């Protein structure tokens, strides 16, 4: 049965926004120690996208049909 990890839905990082940015092909810049430099504006935009995606998935799971 397909499932989504509610804590880490896009990858293994603690902050899902970092995983989302990489998946979308626009990763965050990193500092000298390799840690992502989180831009609050981008984090807010990715958080909004995540919430919109969650709503879309809920609708799909409730009313969608899997077909070939």
PDB file of N, CA and C in Angstrom:
ATOM      1  N   UNK A   1       0.838  -1.162   0.000  1.00  0.00           N
ATOM      2  CA  UNK A   1       0.000   0.000   0.000  1.00  0.00           C
ATOM      3  C   UNK A   1       0.895   1.241   0.000  1.00  0.00           C
ATOM      4  N   UNK A   2       0.646   2.180  -0.870  1.00  0.00           N
ATOM      5  CA  UNK A   2       1.437   3.421  -0.889  1.00  0.00           C
ATOM      6  C   UNK A   2       1.253   4.204   0.410  1.00  0.00           C
ATOM      7  N   UNK A   3       2.328   4.868   0.812  1.00  0.00           N
ATOM      8  CA  UNK A   3       2.263   5.661   2.035  1.00  0.00           C
ATOM      9  C   UNK A   3       3.180   6.870   1.916  1.00  0.00           C
ATOM     10  N   UNK A   4       2.914   7.862   2.737  1.00  0.00           N
ATOM     11  CA  UNK A   4       3.733   9.063   2.805  1.00  0.00           C
ATOM     12  C   UNK A   4       4.182   9.227   4.245  1.00  0.00           C
ATOM     13  N   UNK A   5       5.475   9.430   4.436  1.00  0.00           N
ATOM     14  CA  UNK A   5       6.004   9.673   5.767  1.00  0.00           C
ATOM     15  C   UNK A   5       5.584  11.079   6.182  1.00  0.00           C
ATOM     16  N   UNK A   6       4.729  11.190   7.167  1.00  0.00           N
ATOM     17  CA  UNK A   6       4.215  12.478   7.597  1.00  0.00           C
ATOM     18  C   UNK A   6       5.275  13.400   8.165  1.00  0.00           C
ATOM     19  N   UNK A   7       6.341  12.840   8.725  1.00  0.00           N
ATOM     20  CA  UNK A   7       7.397  13.655   9.307  1.00  0.00           C
ATOM     21  C   UNK A   7       8.403  14.121   8.256  1.00  0.00           C
ATOM     22  N   UNK A   8       8.699  13.262   7.297  1.00  0.00           N
ATOM     23  CA  UNK A   8       9.671  13.590   6.250  1.00  0.00           C
ATOM     24  C   UNK A   8       9.100  13.167   4.891  1.00  0.00           C
ATOM     25  N   UNK A   9       8.158  13.937   4.371  1.00  0.00           N
ATOM     26  CA  UNK A   9       7.456  13.521   3.157  1.00  0.00           C
ATOM     27  C   UNK A   9       8.271  13.595   1.864  1.00  0.00           C
ATOM     28  N   UNK A  10       9.373  14.354   1.847  1.00  0.00           N
ATOM     29  CA  UNK A  10      10.112  14.554   0.601  1.00  0.00           C
ATOM     30  C   UNK A  10      11.524  13.982   0.641  1.00  0.00           C
ATOM     31  N   UNK A  11      11.968  13.524   1.781  1.00  0.00           N
ATOM     32  CA  UNK A  11      13.324  13.004   1.911  1.00  0.00           C
ATOM     33  C   UNK A  11      13.668  12.767   3.373  1.00  0.00           C
ATOM     34  N   UNK A  12      14.958  12.772   3.676  1.00  0.00           N
ATOM     35  CA  UNK A  12      15.406  12.398   5.015  1.00  0.00           C
ATOM     36  C   UNK A  12      15.836  13.561   5.907  1.00  0.00           C
ATOM     37  N   UNK A  13      15.748  14.766   5.433  1.00  0.00           N
ATOM     38  CA  UNK A  13      16.203  15.903   6.238  1.00  0.00           C
ATOM     39  C   UNK A  13      15.160  16.301   7.282  1.00  0.00           C
ATOM     40  N   UNK A  14      15.639  16.988   8.297  1.00  0.00           N
ATOM     41  CA  UNK A  14      14.746  17.450   9.360  1.00  0.00           C
ATOM     42  C   UNK A  14      13.807  18.544   8.873  1.00  0.00           C
ATOM     43  N   UNK A  15      14.273  19.361   7.913  1.00  0.00           N
ATOM     44  CA  UNK A  15      13.453  20.444   7.381  1.00  0.00           C
ATOM     45  C   UNK A  15      13.011  20.072   5.969  1.00  0.00           C
ATOM     46  N   UNK A  16      11.741  19.792   5.803  1.00  0.00           N
ATOM     47  CA  UNK A  16      11.237  19.342   4.503  1.00  0.00           C
ATOM     48  C   UNK A  16      11.436  20.381   3.406  1.00  0.00           C
ATOM     49  N   UNK A  17      11.534  21.657   3.785  1.00  0.00           N
ATOM     50  CA  UNK A  17      11.712  22.691   2.769  1.00  0.00           C
ATOM     51  C   UNK A  17      13.048  22.535   2.029  1.00  0.00           C
ATOM     52  N   UNK A  18      14.060  22.023   2.710  1.00  0.00           N
ATOM     53  CA  UNK A  18      15.354  21.788   2.057  1.00  0.00           C
ATOM     54  C   UNK A  18      15.198  20.696   1.007  1.00  0.00           C
ATOM     55  N   UNK A  19      14.505  19.619   1.349  1.00  0.00           N
ATOM     56  CA  UNK A  19      14.256  18.536   0.391  1.00  0.00           C
ATOM     57  C   UNK A  19      13.415  19.028  -0.778  1.00  0.00           C
ATOM     58  N   UNK A  20      12.392  19.823  -0.486  1.00  0.00           N
ATOM     59  CA  UNK A  20      11.533  20.345  -1.555  1.00  0.00           C
ATOM     60  C   UNK A  20      12.332  21.189  -2.542  1.00  0.00           C
ATOM     61  N   UNK A  21      13.186  22.060  -2.024  1.00  0.00           N
ATOM     62  CA  UNK A  21      13.988  22.932  -2.890  1.00  0.00           C
ATOM     63  C   UNK A  21      14.858  22.100  -3.827  1.00  0.00           C
ATOM     64  N   UNK A  22      15.455  21.026  -3.315  1.00  0.00           N
ATOM     65  CA  UNK A  22      16.288  20.156  -4.165  1.00  0.00           C
ATOM     66  C   UNK A  22      15.450  19.445  -5.216  1.00  0.00           C
ATOM     67  N   UNK A  23      14.299  18.922  -4.814  1.00  0.00           N
ATOM     68  CA  UNK A  23      13.426  18.216  -5.756  1.00  0.00           C
ATOM     69  C   UNK A  23      12.985  19.145  -6.881  1.00  0.00           C
ATOM     70  N   UNK A  24      12.740  20.404  -6.545  1.00  0.00           N
ATOM     71  CA  UNK A  24      12.301  21.385  -7.539  1.00  0.00           C
ATOM     72  C   UNK A  24      13.458  21.954  -8.365  1.00  0.00           C
ATOM     73  N   UNK A  25      14.679  21.493  -8.092  1.00  0.00           N
ATOM     74  CA  UNK A  25      15.838  21.908  -8.881  1.00  0.00           C
ATOM     75  C   UNK A  25      16.405  23.258  -8.490  1.00  0.00           C
ATOM     76  N   UNK A  26      16.036  23.756  -7.316  1.00  0.00           N
ATOM     77  CA  UNK A  26      16.544  25.057  -6.852  1.00  0.00           C
ATOM     78  C   UNK A  26      16.984  24.933  -5.397  1.00  0.00           C
ATOM     79  N   UNK A  27      18.064  24.163  -5.166  1.00  0.00           N
ATOM     80  CA  UNK A  27      18.505  23.956  -3.785  1.00  0.00           C
ATOM     81  C   UNK A  27      18.987  25.256  -3.138  1.00  0.00           C
ATOM     82  N   UNK A  28      18.934  25.271  -1.831  1.00  0.00           N
ATOM     83  CA  UNK A  28      19.453  26.407  -1.079  1.00  0.00           C
ATOM     84  C   UNK A  28      20.968  26.447  -1.218  1.00  0.00           C
ATOM     85  N   UNK A  29      21.544  27.646  -1.178  1.00  0.00           N
ATOM     86  CA  UNK A  29      22.997  27.786  -1.131  1.00  0.00           C
ATOM     87  C   UNK A  29      23.479  27.212   0.203  1.00  0.00           C
ATOM     88  N   UNK A  30      24.736  26.810   0.254  1.00  0.00           N
ATOM     89  CA  UNK A  30      25.291  26.251   1.486  1.00  0.00           C
ATOM     90  C   UNK A  30      26.430  27.138   1.983  1.00  0.00           C
ATOM     91  N   UNK A  31      26.647  27.091   3.292  1.00  0.00           N
ATOM     92  CA  UNK A  31      27.741  27.862   3.880  1.00  0.00           C
ATOM     93  C   UNK A  31      29.042  27.065   3.795  1.00  0.00           C
ATOM     94  N   UNK A  32      30.092  27.572   4.396  1.00  0.00           N
ATOM     95  CA  UNK A  32      31.398  26.923   4.339  1.00  0.00           C
ATOM     96  C   UNK A  32      31.442  25.548   4.986  1.00  0.00           C
ATOM     97  N   UNK A  33      30.477  25.242   5.836  1.00  0.00           N
ATOM     98  CA  UNK A  33      30.422  23.942   6.498  1.00  0.00           C
ATOM     99  C   UNK A  33      29.418  23.007   5.833  1.00  0.00           C
ATOM    100  N   UNK A  34      28.873  23.428   4.699  1.00  0.00           N
ATOM    101  CA  UNK A  34      27.941  22.584   3.959  1.00  0.00           C
ATOM    102  C   UNK A  34      26.506  22.640   4.435  1.00  0.00           C
ATOM    103  N   UNK A  35      26.201  23.550   5.341  1.00  0.00           N
ATOM    104  CA  UNK A  35      24.826  23.676   5.842  1.00  0.00           C
ATOM    105  C   UNK A  35      24.034  24.632   4.958  1.00  0.00           C
ATOM    106  N   UNK A  36      22.791  24.298   4.685  1.00  0.00           N
ATOM    107  CA  UNK A  36      21.962  25.188   3.855  1.00  0.00           C
ATOM    108  C   UNK A  36      21.761  26.548   4.511  1.00  0.00           C
ATOM    109  N   UNK A  37      21.775  27.576   3.688  1.00  0.00           N
ATOM    110  CA  UNK A  37      21.481  28.929   4.145  1.00  0.00           C
ATOM    111  C   UNK A  37      20.004  29.167   3.832  1.00  0.00           C
ATOM    112  N   UNK A  38      19.192  29.165   4.877  1.00  0.00           N
ATOM    113  CA  UNK A  38      17.744  29.241   4.692  1.00  0.00           C
ATOM    114  C   UNK A  38      17.284  30.687   4.553  1.00  0.00           C
ATOM    115  N   UNK A  39      16.702  30.988   3.418  1.00  0.00           N
ATOM    116  CA  UNK A  39      16.142  32.307   3.143  1.00  0.00           C
ATOM    117  C   UNK A  39      14.684  32.289   3.607  1.00  0.00           C
ATOM    118  N   UNK A  40      14.308  33.141   4.562  1.00  0.00           N
ATOM    119  CA  UNK A  40      12.941  33.109   5.108  1.00  0.00           C
ATOM    120  C   UNK A  40      11.846  33.256   4.051  1.00  0.00           C
ATOM    121  N   UNK A  41      12.096  34.037   3.008  1.00  0.00           N
ATOM    122  CA  UNK A  41      11.085  34.224   1.971  1.00  0.00           C
ATOM    123  C   UNK A  41      10.871  32.911   1.205  1.00  0.00           C
ATOM    124  N   UNK A  42      11.958  32.235   0.840  1.00  0.00           N
ATOM    125  CA  UNK A  42      11.829  30.952   0.131  1.00  0.00           C
ATOM    126  C   UNK A  42      11.219  29.880   1.032  1.00  0.00           C
ATOM    127  N   UNK A  43      11.608  29.877   2.305  1.00  0.00           N
ATOM    128  CA  UNK A  43      11.032  28.907   3.243  1.00  0.00           C
ATOM    129  C   UNK A  43       9.525  29.104   3.336  1.00  0.00           C
ATOM    130  N   UNK A  44       9.070  30.347   3.408  1.00  0.00           N
ATOM    131  CA  UNK A  44       7.631  30.634   3.472  1.00  0.00           C
ATOM    132  C   UNK A  44       6.927  30.170   2.200  1.00  0.00           C
ATOM    133  N   UNK A  45       7.547  30.407   1.045  1.00  0.00           N
ATOM    134  CA  UNK A  45       6.936  29.986  -0.221  1.00  0.00           C
ATOM    135  C   UNK A  45       6.866  28.463  -0.306  1.00  0.00           C
ATOM    136  N   UNK A  46       7.915  27.778   0.127  1.00  0.00           N
ATOM    137  CA  UNK A  46       7.907  26.317   0.092  1.00  0.00           C
ATOM    138  C   UNK A  46       6.921  25.743   1.108  1.00  0.00           C
ATOM    139  N   UNK A  47       6.782  26.393   2.242  1.00  0.00           N
ATOM    140  CA  UNK A  47       5.798  25.958   3.236  1.00  0.00           C
ATOM    141  C   UNK A  47       4.384  26.079   2.673  1.00  0.00           C
ATOM    142  N   UNK A  48       4.113  27.184   1.994  1.00  0.00           N
ATOM    143  CA  UNK A  48       2.795  27.364   1.364  1.00  0.00           C
ATOM    144  C   UNK A  48       2.555  26.302   0.303  1.00  0.00           C
ATOM    145  N   UNK A  49       3.569  26.016  -0.509  1.00  0.00           N
ATOM    146  CA  UNK A  49       3.443  24.977  -1.540  1.00  0.00           C
ATOM    147  C   UNK A  49       3.182  23.617  -0.899  1.00  0.00           C
ATOM    148  N   UNK A  50       3.865  23.327   0.187  1.00  0.00           N
ATOM    149  CA  UNK A  50       3.650  22.066   0.902  1.00  0.00           C
ATOM    150  C   UNK A  50       2.208  21.956   1.382  1.00  0.00           C
ATOM    151  N   UNK A  51       1.676  23.028   1.942  1.00  0.00           N
ATOM    152  CA  UNK A  51       0.291  23.004   2.433  1.00  0.00           C
ATOM    153  C   UNK A  51      -0.698  22.831   1.288  1.00  0.00           C
ATOM    154  N   UNK A  52      -0.430  23.464   0.153  1.00  0.00           N
ATOM    155  CA  UNK A  52      -1.296  23.297  -1.018  1.00  0.00           C
ATOM    156  C   UNK A  52      -1.225  21.869  -1.549  1.00  0.00           C
ATOM    157  N   UNK A  53      -0.028  21.293  -1.528  1.00  0.00           N
ATOM    158  CA  UNK A  53       0.143  19.915  -1.985  1.00  0.00           C
ATOM    159  C   UNK A  53      -0.605  18.955  -1.068  1.00  0.00           C
ATOM    160  N   UNK A  54      -0.541  19.208   0.227  1.00  0.00           N
ATOM    161  CA  UNK A  54      -1.252  18.366   1.191  1.00  0.00           C
ATOM    162  C   UNK A  54      -2.748  18.365   0.901  1.00  0.00           C
ATOM    163  N   UNK A  55      -3.299  19.532   0.655  1.00  0.00           N
ATOM    164  CA  UNK A  55      -4.731  19.633   0.338  1.00  0.00           C
ATOM    165  C   UNK A  55      -5.052  18.881  -0.945  1.00  0.00           C
ATOM    166  N   UNK A  56      -4.220  19.036  -1.970  1.00  0.00           N
ATOM    167  CA  UNK A  56      -4.448  18.332  -3.238  1.00  0.00           C
ATOM    168  C   UNK A  56      -4.391  16.823  -3.044  1.00  0.00           C
ATOM    169  N   UNK A  57      -3.446  16.340  -2.249  1.00  0.00           N
ATOM    170  CA  UNK A  57      -3.355  14.904  -1.989  1.00  0.00           C
ATOM    171  C   UNK A  57      -4.579  14.386  -1.249  1.00  0.00           C
ATOM    172  N   UNK A  58      -5.070  15.164  -0.299  1.00  0.00           N
ATOM    173  CA  UNK A  58      -6.259  14.738   0.434  1.00  0.00           C
ATOM    174  C   UNK A  58      -7.454  14.593  -0.511  1.00  0.00           C
ATOM    175  N   UNK A  59      -7.624  15.529  -1.413  1.00  0.00           N
ATOM    176  CA  UNK A  59      -8.713  15.449  -2.391  1.00  0.00           C
ATOM    177  C   UNK A  59      -8.507  14.244  -3.306  1.00  0.00           C
ATOM    178  N   UNK A  60      -7.279  14.040  -3.757  1.00  0.00           N
ATOM    179  CA  UNK A  60      -6.990  12.896  -4.633  1.00  0.00           C
ATOM    180  C   UNK A  60      -7.297  11.575  -3.923  1.00  0.00           C
ATOM    181  N   UNK A  61      -6.866  11.457  -2.677  1.00  0.00           N
ATOM    182  CA  UNK A  61      -7.090  10.207  -1.955  1.00  0.00           C
ATOM    183  C   UNK A  61      -8.569   9.956  -1.672  1.00  0.00           C
ATOM    184  N   UNK A  62      -9.332  11.029  -1.475  1.00  0.00           N
ATOM    185  CA  UNK A  62     -10.748  10.867  -1.209  1.00  0.00           C
ATOM    186  C   UNK A  62     -11.574  10.567  -2.465  1.00  0.00           C
ATOM    187  N   UNK A  63     -11.249  11.252  -3.575  1.00  0.00           N
ATOM    188  CA  UNK A  63     -12.122  11.179  -4.736  1.00  0.00           C
ATOM    189  C   UNK A  63     -11.447  10.664  -6.004  1.00  0.00           C
ATOM    190  N   UNK A  64     -10.149  10.531  -5.974  1.00  0.00           N
ATOM    191  CA  UNK A  64      -9.433  10.108  -7.183  1.00  0.00           C
ATOM    192  C   UNK A  64      -9.598   8.624  -7.465  1.00  0.00           C
ATOM    193  N   UNK A  65      -9.364   8.280  -8.687  1.00  0.00           N
ATOM    194  CA  UNK A  65      -9.410   6.881  -9.103  1.00  0.00           C
ATOM    195  C   UNK A  65      -8.085   6.535  -9.744  1.00  0.00           C
ATOM    196  N   UNK A  66      -7.593   5.382  -9.428  1.00  0.00           N
ATOM    197  CA  UNK A  66      -6.372   4.897 -10.059  1.00  0.00           C
ATOM    198  C   UNK A  66      -6.784   4.116 -11.302  1.00  0.00           C
ATOM    199  N   UNK A  67      -6.268   4.542 -12.408  1.00  0.00           N
ATOM    200  CA  UNK A  67      -6.617   3.865 -13.655  1.00  0.00           C
ATOM    201  C   UNK A  67      -5.418   3.784 -14.582  1.00  0.00           C
ATOM    202  N   UNK A  68      -5.555   2.964 -15.569  1.00  0.00           N
ATOM    203  CA  UNK A  68      -4.407   2.791 -16.475  1.00  0.00           C
ATOM    204  C   UNK A  68      -4.571   3.436 -17.793  1.00  0.00           C
TER     205      UNK A  68
END
